[in-house]
């Protein structure tokens, strides 16, 4: 998939491979996002590349009928270009294709970004048990993180 984001702003979306892990981890680190659990399942991540360079990434972990959107990051020079929107829309489509009913996320910085995709704040105890068992939920994000949910039903 090759979304056109305007003049000279085309990106190629693809699933991350094990060989992509160093670049993914480096981008997440620059974005100050947790990396715990990322290396265990690189295929859970969708990458946006331009000219062979990683410019954005987002993860989707599946837990039965629920999923966790995690590790959404865009290279600083590409912020505001639409890459983040394209990545989030792609993982939402993937979740729908897999029959996911609810998708959750945790954030300490982007609670104003995700409502445009239909996410709303929920309490931690309303999160599906499988998602609550994730590394992201258990240890990677602080308990003060905002929890958000989107129904795909």
C-alpha atoms as a PDB file:
ATOM      1  CA  UNK A   1       0.000   0.000   0.000  1.00  0.00           C
ATOM      2  CA  UNK A   2       1.417   3.383  -1.035  1.00  0.00           C
ATOM      3  CA  UNK A   3      -0.528   6.369   0.325  1.00  0.00           C
ATOM      4  CA  UNK A   4       0.241   9.737  -1.275  1.00  0.00           C
ATOM      5  CA  UNK A   5       0.532  12.398   1.420  1.00  0.00           C
ATOM      6  CA  UNK A   6       1.150  15.337  -0.884  1.00  0.00           C
ATOM      7  CA  UNK A   7       4.116  16.615  -2.906  1.00  0.00           C
ATOM      8  CA  UNK A   8       7.094  14.276  -2.446  1.00  0.00           C
ATOM      9  CA  UNK A   9       5.452  12.699   0.618  1.00  0.00           C
ATOM     10  CA  UNK A  10       4.661   9.156  -0.535  1.00  0.00           C
ATOM     11  CA  UNK A  11       5.113   6.328   1.920  1.00  0.00           C
ATOM     12  CA  UNK A  12       5.042   2.581   1.598  1.00  0.00           C
ATOM     13  CA  UNK A  13       3.204   0.653   4.320  1.00  0.00           C
ATOM     14  CA  UNK A  14       4.358  -2.835   5.199  1.00  0.00           C
ATOM     15  CA  UNK A  15       4.493  -5.313   8.050  1.00  0.00           C
ATOM     16  CA  UNK A  16       7.668  -5.151  10.123  1.00  0.00           C
ATOM     17  CA  UNK A  17      10.119  -8.044   9.998  1.00  0.00           C
ATOM     18  CA  UNK A  18      12.692  -9.107  12.576  1.00  0.00           C
ATOM     19  CA  UNK A  19      15.393  -7.302  10.569  1.00  0.00           C
ATOM     20  CA  UNK A  20      13.444  -4.041  11.045  1.00  0.00           C
ATOM     21  CA  UNK A  21      13.604  -4.196  14.845  1.00  0.00           C
ATOM     22  CA  UNK A  22      16.654  -1.942  15.326  1.00  0.00           C
ATOM     23  CA  UNK A  23      15.039   0.881  13.308  1.00  0.00           C
ATOM     24  CA  UNK A  24      11.637   0.384  14.985  1.00  0.00           C
ATOM     25  CA  UNK A  25      13.157   0.403  18.476  1.00  0.00           C
ATOM     26  CA  UNK A  26      15.240   3.460  17.641  1.00  0.00           C
ATOM     27  CA  UNK A  27      12.183   5.408  16.399  1.00  0.00           C
ATOM     28  CA  UNK A  28      10.166   4.402  19.471  1.00  0.00           C
ATOM     29  CA  UNK A  29      13.064   5.509  21.671  1.00  0.00           C
ATOM     30  CA  UNK A  30      13.247   8.902  19.961  1.00  0.00           C
ATOM     31  CA  UNK A  31       9.488   9.253  20.541  1.00  0.00           C
ATOM     32  CA  UNK A  32       9.948   8.345  24.235  1.00  0.00           C
ATOM     33  CA  UNK A  33       7.623   5.340  23.907  1.00  0.00           C
ATOM     34  CA  UNK A  34       8.037   2.061  25.781  1.00  0.00           C
ATOM     35  CA  UNK A  35       9.732  -0.741  23.892  1.00  0.00           C
ATOM     36  CA  UNK A  36       9.038  -3.650  26.265  1.00  0.00           C
ATOM     37  CA  UNK A  37       7.512  -6.523  24.307  1.00  0.00           C
ATOM     38  CA  UNK A  38       8.157  -5.062  20.850  1.00  0.00           C
ATOM     39  CA  UNK A  39      10.952  -7.485  19.944  1.00  0.00           C
ATOM     40  CA  UNK A  40       8.776 -10.491  20.814  1.00  0.00           C
ATOM     41  CA  UNK A  41       6.413  -9.899  17.886  1.00  0.00           C
ATOM     42  CA  UNK A  42       7.706  -7.605  15.116  1.00  0.00           C
ATOM     43  CA  UNK A  43       4.948  -8.808  12.774  1.00  0.00           C
ATOM     44  CA  UNK A  44       2.427  -6.970  14.988  1.00  0.00           C
ATOM     45  CA  UNK A  45       3.800  -3.673  13.670  1.00  0.00           C
ATOM     46  CA  UNK A  46       2.965  -1.726  10.529  1.00  0.00           C
ATOM     47  CA  UNK A  47       5.744   0.483   9.218  1.00  0.00           C
ATOM     48  CA  UNK A  48       5.649   3.536   6.982  1.00  0.00           C
ATOM     49  CA  UNK A  49       8.769   4.003   4.881  1.00  0.00           C
ATOM     50  CA  UNK A  50       9.873   6.669   2.452  1.00  0.00           C
ATOM     51  CA  UNK A  51      12.933   6.086   0.308  1.00  0.00           C
ATOM     52  CA  UNK A  52      13.778   3.029   2.407  1.00  0.00           C
ATOM     53  CA  UNK A  53      13.776   5.083   5.636  1.00  0.00           C
ATOM     54  CA  UNK A  54      11.381   4.312   8.497  1.00  0.00           C
ATOM     55  CA  UNK A  55       9.193   7.381   9.040  1.00  0.00           C
ATOM     56  CA  UNK A  56       6.412   5.881  11.181  1.00  0.00           C
ATOM     57  CA  UNK A  57       5.259   2.775  12.992  1.00  0.00           C
ATOM     58  CA  UNK A  58       2.263   1.487  14.926  1.00  0.00           C
ATOM     59  CA  UNK A  59       1.565  -1.802  16.681  1.00  0.00           C
ATOM     60  CA  UNK A  60      -1.543  -3.950  16.939  1.00  0.00           C
ATOM     61  CA  UNK A  61      -1.643  -6.762  19.488  1.00  0.00           C
ATOM     62  CA  UNK A  62      -4.608  -9.151  19.356  1.00  0.00           C
ATOM     63  CA  UNK A  63      -6.275 -10.603  22.457  1.00  0.00           C
ATOM     64  CA  UNK A  64      -9.299 -12.636  21.419  1.00  0.00           C
ATOM     65  CA  UNK A  65     -12.062 -10.239  20.320  1.00  0.00           C
ATOM     66  CA  UNK A  66     -10.088  -7.249  21.653  1.00  0.00           C
ATOM     67  CA  UNK A  67      -6.875  -5.594  20.546  1.00  0.00           C
ATOM     68  CA  UNK A  68      -4.303  -3.107  21.776  1.00  0.00           C
ATOM     69  CA  UNK A  69      -3.076  -0.298  19.556  1.00  0.00           C
ATOM     70  CA  UNK A  70       0.405   0.562  20.784  1.00  0.00           C
ATOM     71  CA  UNK A  71       3.654   2.269  19.939  1.00  0.00           C
ATOM     72  CA  UNK A  72       2.352   4.794  17.417  1.00  0.00           C
ATOM     73  CA  UNK A  73       5.315   6.965  16.455  1.00  0.00           C
ATOM     74  CA  UNK A  74       6.200   9.249  13.559  1.00  0.00           C
ATOM     75  CA  UNK A  75       9.667  10.588  12.789  1.00  0.00           C
ATOM     76  CA  UNK A  76       9.849  14.233  13.873  1.00  0.00           C
ATOM     77  CA  UNK A  77      10.493  15.463  10.326  1.00  0.00           C
ATOM     78  CA  UNK A  78       7.281  13.743   9.146  1.00  0.00           C
ATOM     79  CA  UNK A  79       4.927  14.904  11.913  1.00  0.00           C
ATOM     80  CA  UNK A  80       1.914  16.736  10.564  1.00  0.00           C
ATOM     81  CA  UNK A  81       2.238  15.011   7.162  1.00  0.00           C
ATOM     82  CA  UNK A  82      -0.591  12.512   7.664  1.00  0.00           C
ATOM     83  CA  UNK A  83       1.650   9.495   8.250  1.00  0.00           C
ATOM     84  CA  UNK A  84       0.222   8.926  11.733  1.00  0.00           C
ATOM     85  CA  UNK A  85      -3.344   9.082  10.404  1.00  0.00           C
ATOM     86  CA  UNK A  86      -2.558   6.594   7.628  1.00  0.00           C
ATOM     87  CA  UNK A  87      -0.915   4.190  10.091  1.00  0.00           C
ATOM     88  CA  UNK A  88      -3.781   4.351  12.600  1.00  0.00           C
ATOM     89  CA  UNK A  89      -6.358   3.884   9.833  1.00  0.00           C
ATOM     90  CA  UNK A  90      -4.405   0.871   8.543  1.00  0.00           C
ATOM     91  CA  UNK A  91      -4.321  -0.919  11.922  1.00  0.00           C
ATOM     92  CA  UNK A  92      -8.007  -0.154  12.465  1.00  0.00           C
ATOM     93  CA  UNK A  93      -8.706  -1.795   9.088  1.00  0.00           C
ATOM     94  CA  UNK A  94      -6.551  -4.786  10.078  1.00  0.00           C
ATOM     95  CA  UNK A  95      -8.455  -5.095  13.355  1.00  0.00           C
ATOM     96  CA  UNK A  96     -11.791  -5.047  11.502  1.00  0.00           C
ATOM     97  CA  UNK A  97     -10.536  -7.678   9.032  1.00  0.00           C
ATOM     98  CA  UNK A  98      -9.656  -9.922  11.975  1.00  0.00           C
ATOM     99  CA  UNK A  99     -13.077  -9.531  13.588  1.00  0.00           C
ATOM    100  CA  UNK A 100     -11.882  -7.435  16.531  1.00  0.00           C
ATOM    101  CA  UNK A 101     -14.786  -5.902  18.459  1.00  0.00           C
ATOM    102  CA  UNK A 102     -12.960  -3.433  20.714  1.00  0.00           C
ATOM    103  CA  UNK A 103      -9.572  -1.795  20.406  1.00  0.00           C
ATOM    104  CA  UNK A 104      -7.828  -0.154  23.353  1.00  0.00           C
ATOM    105  CA  UNK A 105      -4.786   2.060  23.773  1.00  0.00           C
ATOM    106  CA  UNK A 106      -2.793   3.665  26.562  1.00  0.00           C
ATOM    107  CA  UNK A 107      -1.291   7.125  26.190  1.00  0.00           C
ATOM    108  CA  UNK A 108       0.460   9.717  28.287  1.00  0.00           C
ATOM    109  CA  UNK A 109       0.694  12.317  25.520  1.00  0.00           C
ATOM    110  CA  UNK A 110      -1.878  11.749  22.746  1.00  0.00           C
ATOM    111  CA  UNK A 111      -5.278  11.698  24.441  1.00  0.00           C
ATOM    112  CA  UNK A 112      -6.328  14.630  22.219  1.00  0.00           C
ATOM    113  CA  UNK A 113      -5.175  12.913  18.994  1.00  0.00           C
ATOM    114  CA  UNK A 114      -7.106   9.642  19.083  1.00  0.00           C
ATOM    115  CA  UNK A 115     -10.710  10.894  19.474  1.00  0.00           C
ATOM    116  CA  UNK A 116     -10.644  11.841  15.758  1.00  0.00           C
ATOM    117  CA  UNK A 117     -10.595   8.080  15.080  1.00  0.00           C
ATOM    118  CA  UNK A 118     -13.495   7.398  17.435  1.00  0.00           C
ATOM    119  CA  UNK A 119     -11.536   6.582  20.599  1.00  0.00           C
ATOM    120  CA  UNK A 120     -12.872   7.764  23.943  1.00  0.00           C
ATOM    121  CA  UNK A 121     -11.508   7.622  27.477  1.00  0.00           C
ATOM    122  CA  UNK A 122     -12.508   4.652  29.637  1.00  0.00           C
ATOM    123  CA  UNK A 123     -11.556   3.371  33.069  1.00  0.00           C
ATOM    124  CA  UNK A 124      -8.737   0.846  33.420  1.00  0.00           C
ATOM    125  CA  UNK A 125     -11.098  -1.731  34.907  1.00  0.00           C
ATOM    126  CA  UNK A 126     -13.292  -1.673  31.763  1.00  0.00           C
ATOM    127  CA  UNK A 127     -10.432  -2.983  29.599  1.00  0.00           C
ATOM    128  CA  UNK A 128     -10.740  -6.547  28.287  1.00  0.00           C
ATOM    129  CA  UNK A 129      -8.848  -9.083  30.425  1.00  0.00           C
ATOM    130  CA  UNK A 130      -6.535 -10.126  27.590  1.00  0.00           C
ATOM    131  CA  UNK A 131      -5.445  -6.557  26.969  1.00  0.00           C
ATOM    132  CA  UNK A 132      -4.962  -6.033  30.718  1.00  0.00           C
ATOM    133  CA  UNK A 133      -2.500  -8.947  30.655  1.00  0.00           C
ATOM    134  CA  UNK A 134      -0.328  -7.300  27.966  1.00  0.00           C
ATOM    135  CA  UNK A 135       3.196  -6.090  28.724  1.00  0.00           C
ATOM    136  CA  UNK A 136       2.113  -2.596  27.671  1.00  0.00           C
ATOM    137  CA  UNK A 137      -0.700  -2.590  30.242  1.00  0.00           C
ATOM    138  CA  UNK A 138       1.140  -4.450  33.010  1.00  0.00           C
ATOM    139  CA  UNK A 139       4.546  -2.796  32.995  1.00  0.00           C
ATOM    140  CA  UNK A 140       5.452  -0.629  30.004  1.00  0.00           C
ATOM    141  CA  UNK A 141       2.999   2.250  30.589  1.00  0.00           C
ATOM    142  CA  UNK A 142       2.479   4.009  33.915  1.00  0.00           C
ATOM    143  CA  UNK A 143      -0.800   3.514  35.753  1.00  0.00           C
ATOM    144  CA  UNK A 144      -1.406   7.236  35.231  1.00  0.00           C
ATOM    145  CA  UNK A 145      -1.679   6.704  31.443  1.00  0.00           C
ATOM    146  CA  UNK A 146      -5.000   7.564  29.838  1.00  0.00           C
ATOM    147  CA  UNK A 147      -6.901   4.493  28.660  1.00  0.00           C
ATOM    148  CA  UNK A 148      -8.958   4.813  25.483  1.00  0.00           C
ATOM    149  CA  UNK A 149     -11.329   2.464  23.637  1.00  0.00           C
ATOM    150  CA  UNK A 150     -12.938   2.290  20.218  1.00  0.00           C
ATOM    151  CA  UNK A 151     -15.747  -0.128  19.410  1.00  0.00           C
ATOM    152  CA  UNK A 152     -15.477  -1.785  16.009  1.00  0.00           C
ATOM    153  CA  UNK A 153     -18.846  -3.566  16.312  1.00  0.00           C
END
